């Protein structure tokens, strides 16, 4: 996962509905999305994954990796 570059950044506005929709849209096109956020922003990675309908793969510092859920 280290070679994967972040494709979504969460800024001063926090984790808005627009950010969640962007993550969901990217997960439709790719299997894995890397998300980074600012130091002064509190983000709950589990909540972001749940809102985006994704699977939380890894969290390191201020970076999380989300994967597309498998369709049943």
PDB file of N, CA and C in Angstrom:
ATOM      1  N   UNK A   1       0.805  -1.199   0.000  1.00  0.00           N
ATOM      2  CA  UNK A   1       0.000   0.000   0.000  1.00  0.00           C
ATOM      3  C   UNK A   1       0.846   1.260   0.000  1.00  0.00           C
ATOM      4  N   UNK A   2       2.126   1.126   0.279  1.00  0.00           N
ATOM      5  CA  UNK A   2       2.976   2.307   0.337  1.00  0.00           C
ATOM      6  C   UNK A   2       3.178   2.943  -1.025  1.00  0.00           C
ATOM      7  N   UNK A   3       3.124   2.162  -2.085  1.00  0.00           N
ATOM      8  CA  UNK A   3       3.326   2.729  -3.414  1.00  0.00           C
ATOM      9  C   UNK A   3       2.067   3.404  -3.952  1.00  0.00           C
ATOM     10  N   UNK A   4       0.927   3.211  -3.300  1.00  0.00           N
ATOM     11  CA  UNK A   4      -0.316   3.843  -3.696  1.00  0.00           C
ATOM     12  C   UNK A   4      -0.327   5.299  -3.234  1.00  0.00           C
ATOM     13  N   UNK A   5      -0.636   6.207  -4.131  1.00  0.00           N
ATOM     14  CA  UNK A   5      -0.674   7.631  -3.794  1.00  0.00           C
ATOM     15  C   UNK A   5      -2.074   8.032  -3.351  1.00  0.00           C
ATOM     16  N   UNK A   6      -2.178   8.972  -2.399  1.00  0.00           N
ATOM     17  CA  UNK A   6      -3.502   9.428  -1.965  1.00  0.00           C
ATOM     18  C   UNK A   6      -4.256  10.085  -3.123  1.00  0.00           C
ATOM     19  N   UNK A   7      -5.524   9.742  -3.261  1.00  0.00           N
ATOM     20  CA  UNK A   7      -6.345  10.329  -4.315  1.00  0.00           C
ATOM     21  C   UNK A   7      -7.428  11.235  -3.745  1.00  0.00           C
ATOM     22  N   UNK A   8      -7.644  11.187  -2.419  1.00  0.00           N
ATOM     23  CA  UNK A   8      -8.624  12.059  -1.765  1.00  0.00           C
ATOM     24  C   UNK A   8      -7.953  12.689  -0.557  1.00  0.00           C
ATOM     25  N   UNK A   9      -8.118  14.010  -0.429  1.00  0.00           N
ATOM     26  CA  UNK A   9      -7.588  14.730   0.721  1.00  0.00           C
ATOM     27  C   UNK A   9      -8.754  15.382   1.453  1.00  0.00           C
ATOM     28  N   UNK A  10      -8.785  15.216   2.772  1.00  0.00           N
ATOM     29  CA  UNK A  10      -9.802  15.854   3.599  1.00  0.00           C
ATOM     30  C   UNK A  10      -9.167  17.105   4.190  1.00  0.00           C
ATOM     31  N   UNK A  11      -9.761  18.256   3.877  1.00  0.00           N
ATOM     32  CA  UNK A  11      -9.186  19.536   4.282  1.00  0.00           C
ATOM     33  C   UNK A  11      -9.885  20.164   5.472  1.00  0.00           C
ATOM     34  N   UNK A  12      -9.829  21.486   5.529  1.00  0.00           N
ATOM     35  CA  UNK A  12     -10.357  22.254   6.657  1.00  0.00           C
ATOM     36  C   UNK A  12     -11.850  22.044   6.877  1.00  0.00           C
ATOM     37  N   UNK A  13     -12.576  21.786   5.817  1.00  0.00           N
ATOM     38  CA  UNK A  13     -14.025  21.626   5.925  1.00  0.00           C
ATOM     39  C   UNK A  13     -14.423  20.315   6.599  1.00  0.00           C
ATOM     40  N   UNK A  14     -13.464  19.428   6.768  1.00  0.00           N
ATOM     41  CA  UNK A  14     -13.753  18.141   7.395  1.00  0.00           C
ATOM     42  C   UNK A  14     -14.323  17.149   6.397  1.00  0.00           C
ATOM     43  N   UNK A  15     -14.941  16.137   6.913  1.00  0.00           N
ATOM     44  CA  UNK A  15     -15.454  15.055   6.075  1.00  0.00           C
ATOM     45  C   UNK A  15     -16.906  15.342   5.699  1.00  0.00           C
ATOM     46  N   UNK A  16     -17.083  16.092   4.634  1.00  0.00           N
ATOM     47  CA  UNK A  16     -18.416  16.489   4.199  1.00  0.00           C
ATOM     48  C   UNK A  16     -19.047  15.409   3.325  1.00  0.00           C
ATOM     49  N   UNK A  17     -20.311  15.605   2.984  1.00  0.00           N
ATOM     50  CA  UNK A  17     -21.011  14.663   2.104  1.00  0.00           C
ATOM     51  C   UNK A  17     -20.353  14.613   0.729  1.00  0.00           C
ATOM     52  N   UNK A  18     -19.784  15.730   0.297  1.00  0.00           N
ATOM     53  CA  UNK A  18     -19.098  15.778  -0.989  1.00  0.00           C
ATOM     54  C   UNK A  18     -17.870  14.863  -0.997  1.00  0.00           C
ATOM     55  N   UNK A  19     -17.121  14.873   0.094  1.00  0.00           N
ATOM     56  CA  UNK A  19     -15.940  14.006   0.215  1.00  0.00           C
ATOM     57  C   UNK A  19     -16.365  12.539   0.203  1.00  0.00           C
ATOM     58  N   UNK A  20     -17.416  12.216   0.942  1.00  0.00           N
ATOM     59  CA  UNK A  20     -17.911  10.840   0.997  1.00  0.00           C
ATOM     60  C   UNK A  20     -18.352  10.392  -0.390  1.00  0.00           C
ATOM     61  N   UNK A  21     -19.039  11.267  -1.122  1.00  0.00           N
ATOM     62  CA  UNK A  21     -19.482  10.920  -2.472  1.00  0.00           C
ATOM     63  C   UNK A  21     -18.290  10.722  -3.404  1.00  0.00           C
ATOM     64  N   UNK A  22     -17.261  11.546  -3.267  1.00  0.00           N
ATOM     65  CA  UNK A  22     -16.050  11.399  -4.082  1.00  0.00           C
ATOM     66  C   UNK A  22     -15.371  10.051  -3.815  1.00  0.00           C
ATOM     67  N   UNK A  23     -15.299   9.659  -2.543  1.00  0.00           N
ATOM     68  CA  UNK A  23     -14.704   8.361  -2.194  1.00  0.00           C
ATOM     69  C   UNK A  23     -15.520   7.239  -2.826  1.00  0.00           C
ATOM     70  N   UNK A  24     -16.845   7.322  -2.707  1.00  0.00           N
ATOM     71  CA  UNK A  24     -17.720   6.293  -3.286  1.00  0.00           C
ATOM     72  C   UNK A  24     -17.559   6.226  -4.804  1.00  0.00           C
ATOM     73  N   UNK A  25     -17.473   7.389  -5.456  1.00  0.00           N
ATOM     74  CA  UNK A  25     -17.294   7.425  -6.910  1.00  0.00           C
ATOM     75  C   UNK A  25     -15.967   6.799  -7.320  1.00  0.00           C
ATOM     76  N   UNK A  26     -14.903   7.102  -6.584  1.00  0.00           N
ATOM     77  CA  UNK A  26     -13.598   6.536  -6.916  1.00  0.00           C
ATOM     78  C   UNK A  26     -13.575   5.028  -6.684  1.00  0.00           C
ATOM     79  N   UNK A  27     -14.284   4.556  -5.668  1.00  0.00           N
ATOM     80  CA  UNK A  27     -14.325   3.118  -5.399  1.00  0.00           C
ATOM     81  C   UNK A  27     -15.071   2.351  -6.487  1.00  0.00           C
ATOM     82  N   UNK A  28     -15.958   3.028  -7.218  1.00  0.00           N
ATOM     83  CA  UNK A  28     -16.631   2.380  -8.343  1.00  0.00           C
ATOM     84  C   UNK A  28     -15.654   2.140  -9.492  1.00  0.00           C
ATOM     85  N   UNK A  29     -14.656   3.036  -9.628  1.00  0.00           N
ATOM     86  CA  UNK A  29     -13.699   2.951 -10.722  1.00  0.00           C
ATOM     87  C   UNK A  29     -12.469   2.121 -10.372  1.00  0.00           C
ATOM     88  N   UNK A  30     -12.089   2.077  -9.087  1.00  0.00           N
ATOM     89  CA  UNK A  30     -10.896   1.353  -8.636  1.00  0.00           C
ATOM     90  C   UNK A  30     -11.279   0.442  -7.482  1.00  0.00           C
ATOM     91  N   UNK A  31     -10.391  -0.429  -7.129  1.00  0.00           N
ATOM     92  CA  UNK A  31     -10.681  -1.327  -6.013  1.00  0.00           C
ATOM     93  C   UNK A  31     -10.199  -0.754  -4.685  1.00  0.00           C
ATOM     94  N   UNK A  32      -9.196   0.150  -4.723  1.00  0.00           N
ATOM     95  CA  UNK A  32      -8.608   0.696  -3.502  1.00  0.00           C
ATOM     96  C   UNK A  32      -8.443   2.209  -3.645  1.00  0.00           C
ATOM     97  N   UNK A  33      -8.756   2.938  -2.565  1.00  0.00           N
ATOM     98  CA  UNK A  33      -8.598   4.392  -2.535  1.00  0.00           C
ATOM     99  C   UNK A  33      -7.833   4.758  -1.270  1.00  0.00           C
ATOM    100  N   UNK A  34      -6.861   5.651  -1.408  1.00  0.00           N
ATOM    101  CA  UNK A  34      -6.081   6.124  -0.266  1.00  0.00           C
ATOM    102  C   UNK A  34      -6.532   7.545   0.063  1.00  0.00           C
ATOM    103  N   UNK A  35      -6.829   7.780   1.349  1.00  0.00           N
ATOM    104  CA  UNK A  35      -7.351   9.072   1.800  1.00  0.00           C
ATOM    105  C   UNK A  35      -6.421   9.642   2.861  1.00  0.00           C
ATOM    106  N   UNK A  36      -6.085  10.924   2.736  1.00  0.00           N
ATOM    107  CA  UNK A  36      -5.245  11.628   3.722  1.00  0.00           C
ATOM    108  C   UNK A  36      -6.023  12.800   4.273  1.00  0.00           C
ATOM    109  N   UNK A  37      -5.711  13.207   5.509  1.00  0.00           N
ATOM    110  CA  UNK A  37      -6.368  14.376   6.082  1.00  0.00           C
ATOM    111  C   UNK A  37      -5.380  15.225   6.853  1.00  0.00           C
ATOM    112  N   UNK A  38      -5.758  16.509   7.060  1.00  0.00           N
ATOM    113  CA  UNK A  38      -4.912  17.474   7.746  1.00  0.00           C
ATOM    114  C   UNK A  38      -4.736  17.117   9.214  1.00  0.00           C
ATOM    115  N   UNK A  39      -3.637  17.611   9.799  1.00  0.00           N
ATOM    116  CA  UNK A  39      -3.348  17.327  11.208  1.00  0.00           C
ATOM    117  C   UNK A  39      -4.357  17.942  12.162  1.00  0.00           C
ATOM    118  N   UNK A  40      -4.908  19.088  11.818  1.00  0.00           N
ATOM    119  CA  UNK A  40      -5.811  19.766  12.735  1.00  0.00           C
ATOM    120  C   UNK A  40      -7.273  19.335  12.569  1.00  0.00           C
ATOM    121  N   UNK A  41      -7.532  18.310  11.777  1.00  0.00           N
ATOM    122  CA  UNK A  41      -8.877  17.800  11.550  1.00  0.00           C
ATOM    123  C   UNK A  41      -9.014  16.434  12.217  1.00  0.00           C
ATOM    124  N   UNK A  42     -10.096  16.249  12.963  1.00  0.00           N
ATOM    125  CA  UNK A  42     -10.375  14.952  13.578  1.00  0.00           C
ATOM    126  C   UNK A  42     -11.255  14.145  12.634  1.00  0.00           C
ATOM    127  N   UNK A  43     -10.759  12.989  12.226  1.00  0.00           N
ATOM    128  CA  UNK A  43     -11.490  12.112  11.317  1.00  0.00           C
ATOM    129  C   UNK A  43     -11.533  10.725  11.926  1.00  0.00           C
ATOM    130  N   UNK A  44     -12.721  10.114  11.918  1.00  0.00           N
ATOM    131  CA  UNK A  44     -12.878   8.741  12.370  1.00  0.00           C
ATOM    132  C   UNK A  44     -12.896   7.845  11.134  1.00  0.00           C
ATOM    133  N   UNK A  45     -11.796   7.138  10.862  1.00  0.00           N
ATOM    134  CA  UNK A  45     -11.724   6.318   9.649  1.00  0.00           C
ATOM    135  C   UNK A  45     -12.843   5.286   9.528  1.00  0.00           C
ATOM    136  N   UNK A  46     -13.258   4.695  10.637  1.00  0.00           N
ATOM    137  CA  UNK A  46     -14.337   3.702  10.590  1.00  0.00           C
ATOM    138  C   UNK A  46     -15.651   4.351  10.143  1.00  0.00           C
ATOM    139  N   UNK A  47     -15.892   5.565  10.610  1.00  0.00           N
ATOM    140  CA  UNK A  47     -17.112   6.278  10.215  1.00  0.00           C
ATOM    141  C   UNK A  47     -17.079   6.651   8.737  1.00  0.00           C
ATOM    142  N   UNK A  48     -15.932   7.107   8.258  1.00  0.00           N
ATOM    143  CA  UNK A  48     -15.784   7.458   6.844  1.00  0.00           C
ATOM    144  C   UNK A  48     -16.041   6.230   5.981  1.00  0.00           C
ATOM    145  N   UNK A  49     -15.462   5.095   6.358  1.00  0.00           N
ATOM    146  CA  UNK A  49     -15.658   3.854   5.601  1.00  0.00           C
ATOM    147  C   UNK A  49     -17.123   3.450   5.587  1.00  0.00           C
ATOM    148  N   UNK A  50     -17.780   3.539   6.728  1.00  0.00           N
ATOM    149  CA  UNK A  50     -19.190   3.165   6.812  1.00  0.00           C
ATOM    150  C   UNK A  50     -20.056   4.080   5.951  1.00  0.00           C
ATOM    151  N   UNK A  51     -19.803   5.381   6.007  1.00  0.00           N
ATOM    152  CA  UNK A  51     -20.592   6.342   5.222  1.00  0.00           C
ATOM    153  C   UNK A  51     -20.383   6.156   3.729  1.00  0.00           C
ATOM    154  N   UNK A  52     -19.171   5.766   3.337  1.00  0.00           N
ATOM    155  CA  UNK A  52     -18.869   5.584   1.917  1.00  0.00           C
ATOM    156  C   UNK A  52     -19.222   4.181   1.426  1.00  0.00           C
ATOM    157  N   UNK A  53     -19.600   3.302   2.336  1.00  0.00           N
ATOM    158  CA  UNK A  53     -19.926   1.931   1.953  1.00  0.00           C
ATOM    159  C   UNK A  53     -18.687   1.152   1.565  1.00  0.00           C
ATOM    160  N   UNK A  54     -17.570   1.451   2.227  1.00  0.00           N
ATOM    161  CA  UNK A  54     -16.290   0.832   1.894  1.00  0.00           C
ATOM    162  C   UNK A  54     -15.792  -0.027   3.051  1.00  0.00           C
ATOM    163  N   UNK A  55     -14.759  -0.772   2.772  1.00  0.00           N
ATOM    164  CA  UNK A  55     -14.103  -1.604   3.768  1.00  0.00           C
ATOM    165  C   UNK A  55     -12.808  -0.911   4.177  1.00  0.00           C
ATOM    166  N   UNK A  56     -12.621  -0.701   5.479  1.00  0.00           N
ATOM    167  CA  UNK A  56     -11.408  -0.061   5.990  1.00  0.00           C
ATOM    168  C   UNK A  56     -10.289  -1.095   6.018  1.00  0.00           C
ATOM    169  N   UNK A  57      -9.246  -0.880   5.215  1.00  0.00           N
ATOM    170  CA  UNK A  57      -8.150  -1.829   5.097  1.00  0.00           C
ATOM    171  C   UNK A  57      -7.040  -1.520   6.077  1.00  0.00           C
ATOM    172  N   UNK A  58      -6.637  -0.243   6.139  1.00  0.00           N
ATOM    173  CA  UNK A  58      -5.467   0.123   6.941  1.00  0.00           C
ATOM    174  C   UNK A  58      -5.535   1.597   7.340  1.00  0.00           C
ATOM    175  N   UNK A  59      -5.020   1.891   8.525  1.00  0.00           N
ATOM    176  CA  UNK A  59      -4.882   3.277   8.985  1.00  0.00           C
ATOM    177  C   UNK A  59      -3.472   3.439   9.521  1.00  0.00           C
ATOM    178  N   UNK A  60      -2.765   4.438   9.016  1.00  0.00           N
ATOM    179  CA  UNK A  60      -1.426   4.773   9.505  1.00  0.00           C
ATOM    180  C   UNK A  60      -1.343   6.275   9.626  1.00  0.00           C
ATOM    181  N   UNK A  61      -1.221   6.733  10.862  1.00  0.00           N
ATOM    182  CA  UNK A  61      -1.139   8.173  11.077  1.00  0.00           C
ATOM    183  C   UNK A  61      -2.381   8.875  10.584  1.00  0.00           C
ATOM    184  N   UNK A  62      -2.223   9.756   9.635  1.00  0.00           N
ATOM    185  CA  UNK A  62      -3.339  10.520   9.068  1.00  0.00           C
ATOM    186  C   UNK A  62      -3.673  10.055   7.658  1.00  0.00           C
ATOM    187  N   UNK A  63      -3.498   8.770   7.431  1.00  0.00           N
ATOM    188  CA  UNK A  63      -3.786   8.185   6.125  1.00  0.00           C
ATOM    189  C   UNK A  63      -4.571   6.898   6.313  1.00  0.00           C
ATOM    190  N   UNK A  64      -5.598   6.718   5.482  1.00  0.00           N
ATOM    191  CA  UNK A  64      -6.361   5.469   5.523  1.00  0.00           C
ATOM    192  C   UNK A  64      -6.497   4.903   4.122  1.00  0.00           C
ATOM    193  N   UNK A  65      -6.616   3.597   4.065  1.00  0.00           N
ATOM    194  CA  UNK A  65      -6.822   2.903   2.804  1.00  0.00           C
ATOM    195  C   UNK A  65      -8.188   2.234   2.871  1.00  0.00           C
ATOM    196  N   UNK A  66      -9.011   2.519   1.861  1.00  0.00           N
ATOM    197  CA  UNK A  66     -10.352   1.958   1.773  1.00  0.00           C
ATOM    198  C   UNK A  66     -10.445   1.074   0.543  1.00  0.00           C
ATOM    199  N   UNK A  67     -11.203  -0.007   0.651  1.00  0.00           N
ATOM    200  CA  UNK A  67     -11.386  -0.922  -0.471  1.00  0.00           C
ATOM    201  C   UNK A  67     -12.868  -1.061  -0.771  1.00  0.00           C
ATOM    202  N   UNK A  68     -13.149  -1.416  -2.005  1.00  0.00           N
ATOM    203  CA  UNK A  68     -14.514  -1.651  -2.426  1.00  0.00           C
ATOM    204  C   UNK A  68     -15.029  -2.922  -1.775  1.00  0.00           C
ATOM    205  N   UNK A  69     -16.261  -2.894  -1.295  1.00  0.00           N
ATOM    206  CA  UNK A  69     -16.868  -4.092  -0.701  1.00  0.00           C
ATOM    207  C   UNK A  69     -17.214  -5.072  -1.821  1.00  0.00           C
ATOM    208  N   UNK A  70     -17.070  -6.336  -1.534  1.00  0.00           N
ATOM    209  CA  UNK A  70     -17.419  -7.383  -2.502  1.00  0.00           C
ATOM    210  C   UNK A  70     -18.923  -7.505  -2.601  1.00  0.00           C
ATOM    211  N   UNK A  71     -19.421  -7.601  -3.822  1.00  0.00           N
ATOM    212  CA  UNK A  71     -20.863  -7.764  -4.029  1.00  0.00           C
ATOM    213  C   UNK A  71     -21.210  -9.230  -3.807  1.00  0.00           C
ATOM    214  N   UNK A  72     -22.334  -9.442  -3.142  1.00  0.00           N
ATOM    215  CA  UNK A  72     -22.761 -10.810  -2.852  1.00  0.00           C
ATOM    216  C   UNK A  72     -23.769 -11.294  -3.836  1.00  0.00           C
TER     217      UNK A  72
END
